[in-house]
Amino acid sequence: MIPIKSSMKVLLAGGSGLIGTALGRALAGAGHPTRRLVRRPPSAAGEFQWDPAGRRMDPAALVGIDAVVNLSGENIGAGRWTAARCDRIFRSRVDATRTLVDAIQQAKARPSVFVCASATGYYGDRGDEILTEKSALGQGFLPGVCLAWETHAGGAAAAGVRTALLRFGVVVAREGGALARMIPVFRLGLGGRLGSGCQWMPWIGSDDVVRAIMHVLAGPRCEGPYNVTSPRPVTNAEFTRALASALGRRARLPVPVWALRLALGRMADEALLASTRATPDRLSREGFVFKHPAIENAISHALQRRAV
């Protein structure tokens, strides 16, 4: 991990989510002043209002800022992908990114770096193929969302701002995300693999995801796409066995494909059954050392943390 050598003033969009909350704490703990964009009227120091859907943002938010981190986007796993929900997933990412890039382009003094979230969904369902940042775009709804997301983020690079695109895998954290939804089910002994369980799951420990963002913020040559995933991707069956073992249970109740498709429709095939064997080639080549590269250690660490 490249250390941030001096105080960096950071503007966070999406700072109340799982990654944003953890990143905000880490930045504050390291002495880096942080501002947050909020949709409601500001109620605390360091908050600035914005309306991404309306393409509006308080320009004062960028004054004196060194870095902008965009983590905004509606949760893709919060419900069935109806046409309206797919539109919200797409628009929440594109509108937020366009609003930030417009503000950066119009700022009198631009930040030195723009870090924008993306996802390993960029690659789509690719079976056992090992996927690096050089791998081609996949097919489907999620690859299309990621392409639009990253393309609009490129407007900051066109304006001369160093721009990094972070393709996140599944974040292993007790505080939220997939793991938090799985824990109650597995505690009851009702957990199991999804379908065959052979599909690859790119994942990243909660501590490592924050450290990877800090690495990219600090590195003057860190730009373009990064797979923010563990160097040891696992299959869904391996993930479920590791979680069951950590909870002292057995993963004995697989969920059949037909049931997933009946309950979730299109989302089942693209978000739960798709196989994406993404690896962090660039982070590894840059010497980034993962604290929790193995899924067993990452889950144990997450379970030991107090949920917030």
C-alpha atoms as a PDB file:
ATOM      1  CA  MET A   1       0.000   0.000   0.000  1.00  0.00           C
ATOM      2  CA  ILE A   2       1.337   3.426  -0.994  1.00  0.00           C
ATOM      3  CA  PRO A   3       1.099   5.786   2.012  1.00  0.00           C
ATOM      4  CA  ILE A   4      -0.427   9.243   1.648  1.00  0.00           C
ATOM      5  CA  LYS A   5       2.581  11.377   2.563  1.00  0.00           C
ATOM      6  CA  SER A   6       0.813  14.622   3.449  1.00  0.00           C
ATOM      7  CA  SER A   7      -2.636  15.795   4.474  1.00  0.00           C
ATOM      8  CA  MET A   8      -5.124  15.285   1.646  1.00  0.00           C
ATOM      9  CA  LYS A   9      -8.547  16.965   1.632  1.00  0.00           C
ATOM     10  CA  VAL A  10     -11.082  14.477   0.270  1.00  0.00           C
ATOM     11  CA  LEU A  11     -14.651  14.952  -0.956  1.00  0.00           C
ATOM     12  CA  LEU A  12     -16.785  11.810  -0.591  1.00  0.00           C
ATOM     13  CA  ALA A  13     -19.909  11.050  -2.628  1.00  0.00           C
ATOM     14  CA  GLY A  14     -21.745   8.025  -1.295  1.00  0.00           C
ATOM     15  CA  GLY A  15     -20.061   8.436   2.069  1.00  0.00           C
ATOM     16  CA  SER A  16     -22.932   6.883   4.060  1.00  0.00           C
ATOM     17  CA  GLY A  17     -22.705   3.462   2.392  1.00  0.00           C
ATOM     18  CA  LEU A  18     -20.729   0.430   3.521  1.00  0.00           C
ATOM     19  CA  ILE A  19     -17.459   1.382   1.814  1.00  0.00           C
ATOM     20  CA  GLY A  20     -17.907   5.131   2.245  1.00  0.00           C
ATOM     21  CA  THR A  21     -18.451   4.882   6.003  1.00  0.00           C
ATOM     22  CA  ALA A  22     -15.330   2.747   6.474  1.00  0.00           C
ATOM     23  CA  LEU A  23     -13.269   4.983   4.184  1.00  0.00           C
ATOM     24  CA  GLY A  24     -14.399   8.137   5.985  1.00  0.00           C
ATOM     25  CA  ARG A  25     -13.291   6.691   9.321  1.00  0.00           C
ATOM     26  CA  ALA A  26      -9.925   5.640   7.896  1.00  0.00           C
ATOM     27  CA  LEU A  27      -9.268   9.038   6.314  1.00  0.00           C
ATOM     28  CA  ALA A  28     -10.191  10.874   9.505  1.00  0.00           C
ATOM     29  CA  GLY A  29      -8.018   8.516  11.554  1.00  0.00           C
ATOM     30  CA  ALA A  30      -5.064   9.219   9.266  1.00  0.00           C
ATOM     31  CA  GLY A  31      -5.538  12.987   9.591  1.00  0.00           C
ATOM     32  CA  HIS A  32      -7.087  13.692   6.187  1.00  0.00           C
ATOM     33  CA  PRO A  33      -9.950  16.243   6.307  1.00  0.00           C
ATOM     34  CA  THR A  34     -13.073  14.842   4.674  1.00  0.00           C
ATOM     35  CA  ARG A  35     -16.198  16.459   3.250  1.00  0.00           C
ATOM     36  CA  ARG A  36     -19.396  14.593   2.379  1.00  0.00           C
ATOM     37  CA  LEU A  37     -22.035  15.222  -0.256  1.00  0.00           C
ATOM     38  CA  VAL A  38     -25.578  14.714   1.058  1.00  0.00           C
ATOM     39  CA  ARG A  39     -28.980  14.866  -0.637  1.00  0.00           C
ATOM     40  CA  ARG A  40     -30.734  16.431   2.382  1.00  0.00           C
ATOM     41  CA  PRO A  41     -29.993  19.913   3.745  1.00  0.00           C
ATOM     42  CA  PRO A  42     -26.556  19.867   5.445  1.00  0.00           C
ATOM     43  CA  SER A  43     -26.759  19.358   9.209  1.00  0.00           C
ATOM     44  CA  ALA A  44     -23.107  18.983  10.201  1.00  0.00           C
ATOM     45  CA  ALA A  45     -19.746  20.541   9.458  1.00  0.00           C
ATOM     46  CA  GLY A  46     -18.209  19.265   6.261  1.00  0.00           C
ATOM     47  CA  GLU A  47     -21.536  18.425   4.587  1.00  0.00           C
ATOM     48  CA  PHE A  48     -22.542  19.921   1.231  1.00  0.00           C
ATOM     49  CA  GLN A  49     -25.808  19.382  -0.590  1.00  0.00           C
ATOM     50  CA  TRP A  50     -26.181  17.894  -4.034  1.00  0.00           C
ATOM     51  CA  ASP A  51     -28.939  16.511  -6.246  1.00  0.00           C
ATOM     52  CA  PRO A  52     -27.377  14.078  -8.726  1.00  0.00           C
ATOM     53  CA  ALA A  53     -30.680  13.338 -10.462  1.00  0.00           C
ATOM     54  CA  GLY A  54     -31.098  17.058 -11.105  1.00  0.00           C
ATOM     55  CA  ARG A  55     -27.387  17.477 -11.939  1.00  0.00           C
ATOM     56  CA  ARG A  56     -26.965  20.072  -9.175  1.00  0.00           C
ATOM     57  CA  MET A  57     -24.173  20.387  -6.610  1.00  0.00           C
ATOM     58  CA  ASP A  58     -22.933  23.100  -4.273  1.00  0.00           C
ATOM     59  CA  PRO A  59     -19.724  24.307  -5.992  1.00  0.00           C
ATOM     60  CA  ALA A  60     -18.264  25.249  -2.602  1.00  0.00           C
ATOM     61  CA  ALA A  61     -17.835  21.523  -1.912  1.00  0.00           C
ATOM     62  CA  LEU A  62     -14.827  21.415  -4.245  1.00  0.00           C
ATOM     63  CA  VAL A  63     -13.014  24.506  -2.961  1.00  0.00           C
ATOM     64  CA  GLY A  64      -9.615  23.441  -1.615  1.00  0.00           C
ATOM     65  CA  ILE A  65     -10.259  19.745  -2.308  1.00  0.00           C
ATOM     66  CA  ASP A  66      -7.354  17.498  -3.357  1.00  0.00           C
ATOM     67  CA  ALA A  67      -9.307  14.341  -4.173  1.00  0.00           C
ATOM     68  CA  VAL A  68     -12.859  13.284  -5.024  1.00  0.00           C
ATOM     69  CA  VAL A  69     -14.076   9.749  -4.324  1.00  0.00           C
ATOM     70  CA  ASN A  70     -17.339   8.684  -5.958  1.00  0.00           C
ATOM     71  CA  LEU A  71     -19.016   5.686  -4.322  1.00  0.00           C
ATOM     72  CA  SER A  72     -22.603   6.604  -5.210  1.00  0.00           C
ATOM     73  CA  GLY A  73     -24.997   4.054  -6.628  1.00  0.00           C
ATOM     74  CA  GLU A  74     -28.179   2.211  -5.727  1.00  0.00           C
ATOM     75  CA  ASN A  75     -27.674  -1.266  -4.221  1.00  0.00           C
ATOM     76  CA  ILE A  76     -28.009  -3.818  -7.014  1.00  0.00           C
ATOM     77  CA  GLY A  77     -28.907  -6.617  -4.588  1.00  0.00           C
ATOM     78  CA  ALA A  78     -31.767  -4.914  -2.750  1.00  0.00           C
ATOM     79  CA  GLY A  79     -34.597  -6.338  -4.843  1.00  0.00           C
ATOM     80  CA  ARG A  80     -35.867  -7.901  -8.067  1.00  0.00           C
ATOM     81  CA  TRP A  81     -34.682  -6.180 -11.221  1.00  0.00           C
ATOM     82  CA  THR A  82     -37.864  -4.712 -12.602  1.00  0.00           C
ATOM     83  CA  ALA A  83     -37.563  -2.329 -15.538  1.00  0.00           C
ATOM     84  CA  ALA A  84     -37.978   0.618 -13.151  1.00  0.00           C
ATOM     85  CA  ARG A  85     -35.357  -0.717 -10.753  1.00  0.00           C
ATOM     86  CA  CYS A  86     -32.854  -1.349 -13.549  1.00  0.00           C
ATOM     87  CA  ASP A  87     -33.333   2.244 -14.630  1.00  0.00           C
ATOM     88  CA  ARG A  88     -32.679   3.471 -11.062  1.00  0.00           C
ATOM     89  CA  ILE A  89     -29.523   1.338 -10.800  1.00  0.00           C
ATOM     90  CA  PHE A  90     -28.242   2.772 -14.079  1.00  0.00           C
ATOM     91  CA  ARG A  91     -29.267   6.386 -13.500  1.00  0.00           C
ATOM     92  CA  SER A  92     -27.968   6.502  -9.895  1.00  0.00           C
ATOM     93  CA  ARG A  93     -24.460   5.753 -11.137  1.00  0.00           C
ATOM     94  CA  VAL A  94     -24.439   7.772 -14.333  1.00  0.00           C
ATOM     95  CA  ASP A  95     -26.150  10.854 -12.890  1.00  0.00           C
ATOM     96  CA  ALA A  96     -23.853  10.983  -9.849  1.00  0.00           C
ATOM     97  CA  THR A  97     -20.738  10.577 -11.979  1.00  0.00           C
ATOM     98  CA  ARG A  98     -21.799  13.172 -14.551  1.00  0.00           C
ATOM     99  CA  THR A  99     -22.652  15.667 -11.799  1.00  0.00           C
ATOM    100  CA  LEU A 100     -19.241  15.255 -10.171  1.00  0.00           C
ATOM    101  CA  VAL A 101     -17.334  15.386 -13.451  1.00  0.00           C
ATOM    102  CA  ASP A 102     -19.207  18.516 -14.552  1.00  0.00           C
ATOM    103  CA  ALA A 103     -18.350  20.184 -11.237  1.00  0.00           C
ATOM    104  CA  ILE A 104     -14.695  19.149 -11.538  1.00  0.00           C
ATOM    105  CA  GLN A 105     -14.476  20.495 -15.088  1.00  0.00           C
ATOM    106  CA  GLN A 106     -16.010  23.822 -14.025  1.00  0.00           C
ATOM    107  CA  ALA A 107     -13.940  24.263 -10.862  1.00  0.00           C
ATOM    108  CA  LYS A 108     -11.383  27.073 -10.864  1.00  0.00           C
ATOM    109  CA  ALA A 109      -8.915  24.805  -9.056  1.00  0.00           C
ATOM    110  CA  ARG A 110      -9.439  21.156  -9.920  1.00  0.00           C
ATOM    111  CA  PRO A 111      -8.639  18.261  -7.583  1.00  0.00           C
ATOM    112  CA  SER A 112      -5.553  16.247  -8.401  1.00  0.00           C
ATOM    113  CA  VAL A 113      -7.333  12.885  -8.416  1.00  0.00           C
ATOM    114  CA  PHE A 114     -10.794  11.464  -9.075  1.00  0.00           C
ATOM    115  CA  VAL A 115     -11.504   7.938  -7.831  1.00  0.00           C
ATOM    116  CA  CYS A 116     -14.720   6.419  -9.170  1.00  0.00           C
ATOM    117  CA  ALA A 117     -16.332   3.164  -8.134  1.00  0.00           C
ATOM    118  CA  SER A 118     -17.174   0.527 -10.704  1.00  0.00           C
ATOM    119  CA  ALA A 119     -17.638  -3.234 -10.296  1.00  0.00           C
ATOM    120  CA  THR A 120     -16.371  -6.599 -11.458  1.00  0.00           C
ATOM    121  CA  GLY A 121     -19.786  -6.853 -13.086  1.00  0.00           C
ATOM    122  CA  TYR A 122     -17.935  -5.159 -15.955  1.00  0.00           C
ATOM    123  CA  TYR A 123     -16.756  -8.606 -17.098  1.00  0.00           C
ATOM    124  CA  GLY A 124     -20.089 -10.423 -17.003  1.00  0.00           C
ATOM    125  CA  ASP A 125     -20.443 -14.215 -16.870  1.00  0.00           C
ATOM    126  CA  ARG A 126     -17.096 -15.656 -18.030  1.00  0.00           C
ATOM    127  CA  GLY A 127     -16.899 -19.163 -16.567  1.00  0.00           C
ATOM    128  CA  ASP A 128     -13.385 -20.166 -15.478  1.00  0.00           C
ATOM    129  CA  GLU A 129     -11.587 -17.455 -17.494  1.00  0.00           C
ATOM    130  CA  ILE A 130      -9.063 -15.533 -15.380  1.00  0.00           C
ATOM    131  CA  LEU A 131      -9.944 -11.851 -15.689  1.00  0.00           C
ATOM    132  CA  THR A 132      -7.511  -8.959 -15.296  1.00  0.00           C
ATOM    133  CA  GLU A 133      -7.997  -5.265 -15.932  1.00  0.00           C
ATOM    134  CA  LYS A 134      -7.040  -5.909 -19.562  1.00  0.00           C
ATOM    135  CA  SER A 135      -9.909  -8.356 -20.111  1.00  0.00           C
ATOM    136  CA  ALA A 136     -12.714  -7.356 -22.464  1.00  0.00           C
ATOM    137  CA  LEU A 137     -16.120  -6.026 -21.503  1.00  0.00           C
ATOM    138  CA  GLY A 138     -18.749  -8.702 -20.923  1.00  0.00           C
ATOM    139  CA  GLN A 139     -22.355  -8.883 -22.099  1.00  0.00           C
ATOM    140  CA  GLY A 140     -25.527  -8.084 -20.175  1.00  0.00           C
ATOM    141  CA  PHE A 141     -27.069  -5.410 -18.009  1.00  0.00           C
ATOM    142  CA  LEU A 142     -24.256  -5.079 -15.447  1.00  0.00           C
ATOM    143  CA  PRO A 143     -21.460  -4.770 -18.018  1.00  0.00           C
ATOM    144  CA  GLY A 144     -23.505  -2.061 -19.732  1.00  0.00           C
ATOM    145  CA  VAL A 145     -23.946  -0.181 -16.452  1.00  0.00           C
ATOM    146  CA  CYS A 146     -20.231  -0.407 -15.668  1.00  0.00           C
ATOM    147  CA  LEU A 147     -19.271   0.752 -19.158  1.00  0.00           C
ATOM    148  CA  ALA A 148     -21.479   3.842 -18.908  1.00  0.00           C
ATOM    149  CA  TRP A 149     -20.237   4.516 -15.370  1.00  0.00           C
ATOM    150  CA  GLU A 150     -16.579   4.354 -16.383  1.00  0.00           C
ATOM    151  CA  THR A 151     -17.102   6.249 -19.631  1.00  0.00           C
ATOM    152  CA  HIS A 152     -18.627   9.233 -17.843  1.00  0.00           C
ATOM    153  CA  ALA A 153     -15.856   9.127 -15.211  1.00  0.00           C
ATOM    154  CA  GLY A 154     -13.432   9.509 -18.102  1.00  0.00           C
ATOM    155  CA  GLY A 155     -14.556  13.114 -18.433  1.00  0.00           C
ATOM    156  CA  ALA A 156     -12.382  13.945 -15.428  1.00  0.00           C
ATOM    157  CA  ALA A 157      -9.355  12.364 -17.116  1.00  0.00           C
ATOM    158  CA  ALA A 158     -10.093  14.400 -20.246  1.00  0.00           C
ATOM    159  CA  ALA A 159      -9.920  17.500 -18.047  1.00  0.00           C
ATOM    160  CA  GLY A 160      -6.421  16.552 -16.889  1.00  0.00           C
ATOM    161  CA  VAL A 161      -7.392  14.990 -13.545  1.00  0.00           C
ATOM    162  CA  ARG A 162      -5.784  11.662 -12.646  1.00  0.00           C
ATOM    163  CA  THR A 163      -8.703   9.214 -12.718  1.00  0.00           C
ATOM    164  CA  ALA A 164      -8.872   5.702 -11.254  1.00  0.00           C
ATOM    165  CA  LEU A 165     -11.751   3.265 -11.808  1.00  0.00           C
ATOM    166  CA  LEU A 166     -12.188   0.725  -9.018  1.00  0.00           C
ATOM    167  CA  ARG A 167     -13.939  -2.478 -10.035  1.00  0.00           C
ATOM    168  CA  PHE A 168     -15.069  -3.773  -6.646  1.00  0.00           C
ATOM    169  CA  GLY A 169     -15.810  -7.399  -5.914  1.00  0.00           C
ATOM    170  CA  VAL A 170     -18.184  -8.532  -3.151  1.00  0.00           C
ATOM    171  CA  VAL A 171     -17.143  -6.742   0.042  1.00  0.00           C
ATOM    172  CA  VAL A 172     -16.905  -9.137   2.999  1.00  0.00           C
ATOM    173  CA  ALA A 173     -18.148  -7.101   5.960  1.00  0.00           C
ATOM    174  CA  ARG A 174     -20.438  -7.783   8.882  1.00  0.00           C
ATOM    175  CA  GLU A 175     -21.767  -4.221   8.742  1.00  0.00           C
ATOM    176  CA  GLY A 176     -23.569  -4.666   5.431  1.00  0.00           C
ATOM    177  CA  GLY A 177     -23.590  -6.123   1.947  1.00  0.00           C
ATOM    178  CA  ALA A 178     -23.976  -9.781   1.002  1.00  0.00           C
ATOM    179  CA  LEU A 179     -22.343 -11.220   4.133  1.00  0.00           C
ATOM    180  CA  ALA A 180     -24.655  -9.336   6.484  1.00  0.00           C
ATOM    181  CA  ARG A 181     -27.693 -10.765   4.653  1.00  0.00           C
ATOM    182  CA  MET A 182     -26.273 -14.297   4.691  1.00  0.00           C
ATOM    183  CA  ILE A 183     -25.267 -14.522   8.363  1.00  0.00           C
ATOM    184  CA  PRO A 184     -28.801 -14.895   9.865  1.00  0.00           C
ATOM    185  CA  VAL A 185     -29.714 -17.596   7.335  1.00  0.00           C
ATOM    186  CA  PHE A 186     -26.521 -19.567   7.957  1.00  0.00           C
ATOM    187  CA  ARG A 187     -26.839 -19.226  11.738  1.00  0.00           C
ATOM    188  CA  LEU A 188     -30.154 -21.064  11.435  1.00  0.00           C
ATOM    189  CA  GLY A 189     -28.472 -23.839   9.472  1.00  0.00           C
ATOM    190  CA  LEU A 190     -30.425 -22.932   6.342  1.00  0.00           C
ATOM    191  CA  GLY A 191     -27.534 -21.771   4.174  1.00  0.00           C
ATOM    192  CA  GLY A 192     -26.078 -23.433   1.115  1.00  0.00           C
ATOM    193  CA  ARG A 193     -24.567 -22.882  -2.298  1.00  0.00           C
ATOM    194  CA  LEU A 194     -26.454 -21.123  -5.079  1.00  0.00           C
ATOM    195  CA  GLY A 195     -27.171 -23.468  -7.961  1.00  0.00           C
ATOM    196  CA  SER A 196     -24.156 -25.667  -8.720  1.00  0.00           C
ATOM    197  CA  GLY A 197     -21.902 -23.412  -6.614  1.00  0.00           C
ATOM    198  CA  CYS A 198     -19.256 -23.614  -9.337  1.00  0.00           C
ATOM    199  CA  GLN A 199     -19.518 -19.936 -10.246  1.00  0.00           C
ATOM    200  CA  TRP A 200     -16.509 -17.806  -9.266  1.00  0.00           C
ATOM    201  CA  MET A 201     -17.063 -15.006  -6.743  1.00  0.00           C
ATOM    202  CA  PRO A 202     -14.650 -12.080  -6.762  1.00  0.00           C
ATOM    203  CA  TRP A 203     -14.487 -10.756  -3.196  1.00  0.00           C
ATOM    204  CA  ILE A 204     -12.502  -8.344  -1.023  1.00  0.00           C
ATOM    205  CA  GLY A 205     -12.159  -7.969   2.752  1.00  0.00           C
ATOM    206  CA  SER A 206     -13.520  -4.759   4.276  1.00  0.00           C
ATOM    207  CA  ASP A 207     -10.112  -3.616   5.543  1.00  0.00           C
ATOM    208  CA  ASP A 208      -8.454  -4.309   2.218  1.00  0.00           C
ATOM    209  CA  VAL A 209     -11.049  -2.409   0.202  1.00  0.00           C
ATOM    210  CA  VAL A 210     -10.313   0.742   2.223  1.00  0.00           C
ATOM    211  CA  ARG A 211      -6.564   0.181   1.983  1.00  0.00           C
ATOM    212  CA  ALA A 212      -6.837  -0.256  -1.786  1.00  0.00           C
ATOM    213  CA  ILE A 213      -8.645   3.079  -2.121  1.00  0.00           C
ATOM    214  CA  MET A 214      -5.972   4.769   0.000  1.00  0.00           C
ATOM    215  CA  HIS A 215      -3.300   3.159  -2.182  1.00  0.00           C
ATOM    216  CA  VAL A 216      -4.853   4.573  -5.342  1.00  0.00           C
ATOM    217  CA  LEU A 217      -5.368   8.004  -3.789  1.00  0.00           C
ATOM    218  CA  ALA A 218      -1.691   8.156  -2.856  1.00  0.00           C
ATOM    219  CA  GLY A 219      -0.100   6.758  -6.005  1.00  0.00           C
ATOM    220  CA  PRO A 220       0.721   9.479  -8.547  1.00  0.00           C
ATOM    221  CA  ARG A 221       0.671   6.874 -11.340  1.00  0.00           C
ATOM    222  CA  CYS A 222      -2.453   5.040 -10.177  1.00  0.00           C
ATOM    223  CA  GLU A 223      -4.991   5.663 -12.907  1.00  0.00           C
ATOM    224  CA  GLY A 224      -7.333   3.668 -15.105  1.00  0.00           C
ATOM    225  CA  PRO A 225      -9.111   0.455 -14.062  1.00  0.00           C
ATOM    226  CA  TYR A 226      -8.248  -1.599 -10.980  1.00  0.00           C
ATOM    227  CA  ASN A 227      -9.801  -4.887  -9.895  1.00  0.00           C
ATOM    228  CA  VAL A 228     -10.337  -4.417  -6.162  1.00  0.00           C
ATOM    229  CA  THR A 229     -10.593  -8.101  -5.288  1.00  0.00           C
ATOM    230  CA  SER A 230      -8.690 -10.679  -3.309  1.00  0.00           C
ATOM    231  CA  PRO A 231      -5.873 -12.452  -5.194  1.00  0.00           C
ATOM    232  CA  ARG A 232      -7.621 -15.687  -4.211  1.00  0.00           C
ATOM    233  CA  PRO A 233     -11.109 -15.692  -5.749  1.00  0.00           C
ATOM    234  CA  VAL A 234     -13.355 -18.552  -4.613  1.00  0.00           C
ATOM    235  CA  THR A 235     -16.348 -20.364  -5.993  1.00  0.00           C
ATOM    236  CA  ASN A 236     -19.744 -19.819  -4.450  1.00  0.00           C
ATOM    237  CA  ALA A 237     -19.553 -23.307  -2.914  1.00  0.00           C
ATOM    238  CA  GLU A 238     -16.205 -22.483  -1.289  1.00  0.00           C
ATOM    239  CA  PHE A 239     -17.555 -19.183   0.037  1.00  0.00           C
ATOM    240  CA  THR A 240     -20.617 -20.818   1.583  1.00  0.00           C
ATOM    241  CA  ARG A 241     -18.544 -23.600   3.162  1.00  0.00           C
ATOM    242  CA  ALA A 242     -16.184 -21.019   4.690  1.00  0.00           C
ATOM    243  CA  LEU A 243     -19.070 -19.016   6.141  1.00  0.00           C
ATOM    244  CA  ALA A 244     -20.834 -22.091   7.497  1.00  0.00           C
ATOM    245  CA  SER A 245     -17.608 -23.322   9.104  1.00  0.00           C
ATOM    246  CA  ALA A 246     -16.933 -19.937  10.726  1.00  0.00           C
ATOM    247  CA  LEU A 247     -20.426 -20.026  12.250  1.00  0.00           C
ATOM    248  CA  GLY A 248     -20.150 -23.657  13.361  1.00  0.00           C
ATOM    249  CA  ARG A 249     -22.842 -24.766  10.941  1.00  0.00           C
ATOM    250  CA  ARG A 250     -23.079 -26.916   7.821  1.00  0.00           C
ATOM    251  CA  ALA A 251     -24.011 -25.613   4.372  1.00  0.00           C
ATOM    252  CA  ARG A 252     -26.470 -28.368   3.534  1.00  0.00           C
ATOM    253  CA  LEU A 253     -29.340 -26.638   1.746  1.00  0.00           C
ATOM    254  CA  PRO A 254     -28.392 -25.567  -1.790  1.00  0.00           C
ATOM    255  CA  VAL A 255     -30.748 -23.131  -3.505  1.00  0.00           C
ATOM    256  CA  PRO A 256     -31.821 -24.524  -6.899  1.00  0.00           C
ATOM    257  CA  VAL A 257     -31.454 -22.378 -10.002  1.00  0.00           C
ATOM    258  CA  TRP A 258     -35.172 -22.515 -10.769  1.00  0.00           C
ATOM    259  CA  ALA A 259     -36.023 -21.088  -7.346  1.00  0.00           C
ATOM    260  CA  LEU A 260     -33.541 -18.229  -7.740  1.00  0.00           C
ATOM    261  CA  ARG A 261     -34.918 -17.371 -11.183  1.00  0.00           C
ATOM    262  CA  LEU A 262     -38.497 -17.567  -9.955  1.00  0.00           C
ATOM    263  CA  ALA A 263     -37.778 -15.253  -7.030  1.00  0.00           C
ATOM    264  CA  LEU A 264     -35.339 -12.829  -8.641  1.00  0.00           C
ATOM    265  CA  GLY A 265     -35.678 -13.133 -12.408  1.00  0.00           C
ATOM    266  CA  ARG A 266     -32.870 -11.558 -14.400  1.00  0.00           C
ATOM    267  CA  MET A 267     -30.966 -10.607 -11.266  1.00  0.00           C
ATOM    268  CA  ALA A 268     -30.423 -14.297 -10.418  1.00  0.00           C
ATOM    269  CA  ASP A 269     -28.480 -15.003 -13.608  1.00  0.00           C
ATOM    270  CA  GLU A 270     -26.389 -11.810 -13.671  1.00  0.00           C
ATOM    271  CA  ALA A 271     -25.724 -11.152  -9.991  1.00  0.00           C
ATOM    272  CA  LEU A 272     -25.829 -14.560  -8.269  1.00  0.00           C
ATOM    273  CA  LEU A 273     -25.170 -17.272 -10.844  1.00  0.00           C
ATOM    274  CA  ALA A 274     -22.692 -15.445 -13.092  1.00  0.00           C
ATOM    275  CA  SER A 275     -19.084 -16.621 -12.839  1.00  0.00           C
ATOM    276  CA  THR A 276     -16.486 -13.837 -12.659  1.00  0.00           C
ATOM    277  CA  ARG A 277     -12.939 -14.934 -11.831  1.00  0.00           C
ATOM    278  CA  ALA A 278     -11.473 -11.448 -11.477  1.00  0.00           C
ATOM    279  CA  THR A 279      -7.975 -11.004 -10.066  1.00  0.00           C
ATOM    280  CA  PRO A 280      -6.202  -7.842  -8.804  1.00  0.00           C
ATOM    281  CA  ASP A 281      -3.397  -7.898 -11.344  1.00  0.00           C
ATOM    282  CA  ARG A 282      -2.527  -4.210 -11.107  1.00  0.00           C
ATOM    283  CA  LEU A 283      -2.629  -3.989  -7.297  1.00  0.00           C
ATOM    284  CA  SER A 284      -0.434  -7.074  -7.063  1.00  0.00           C
ATOM    285  CA  ARG A 285       2.091  -5.716  -9.565  1.00  0.00           C
ATOM    286  CA  GLU A 286       2.253  -2.457  -7.604  1.00  0.00           C
ATOM    287  CA  GLY A 287       3.235  -4.316  -4.440  1.00  0.00           C
ATOM    288  CA  PHE A 288      -0.076  -4.022  -2.597  1.00  0.00           C
ATOM    289  CA  VAL A 289      -0.114  -6.505   0.299  1.00  0.00           C
ATOM    290  CA  PHE A 290      -3.523  -7.870   1.312  1.00  0.00           C
ATOM    291  CA  LYS A 291      -4.238  -8.221   5.017  1.00  0.00           C
ATOM    292  CA  HIS A 292      -6.825 -10.934   4.411  1.00  0.00           C
ATOM    293  CA  PRO A 293      -6.134 -12.711   1.097  1.00  0.00           C
ATOM    294  CA  ALA A 294      -7.901 -15.963   2.144  1.00  0.00           C
ATOM    295  CA  ILE A 295     -11.688 -16.084   2.429  1.00  0.00           C
ATOM    296  CA  GLU A 296     -11.583 -18.043   5.702  1.00  0.00           C
ATOM    297  CA  ASN A 297      -9.518 -15.333   7.416  1.00  0.00           C
ATOM    298  CA  ALA A 298     -11.591 -12.522   5.918  1.00  0.00           C
ATOM    299  CA  ILE A 299     -14.865 -14.024   7.156  1.00  0.00           C
ATOM    300  CA  SER A 300     -13.460 -14.753  10.620  1.00  0.00           C
ATOM    301  CA  HIS A 301     -12.168 -11.192  10.859  1.00  0.00           C
ATOM    302  CA  ALA A 302     -15.531  -9.793   9.742  1.00  0.00           C
ATOM    303  CA  LEU A 303     -17.441 -11.872  12.290  1.00  0.00           C
ATOM    304  CA  GLN A 304     -15.179 -10.663  15.090  1.00  0.00           C
ATOM    305  CA  ARG A 305     -15.994  -7.035  14.353  1.00  0.00           C
ATOM    306  CA  ARG A 306     -18.879  -5.420  16.189  1.00  0.00           C
ATOM    307  CA  ALA A 307     -21.726  -4.684  13.791  1.00  0.00           C
ATOM    308  CA  VAL A 308     -22.461  -0.936  13.536  1.00  0.00           C
END
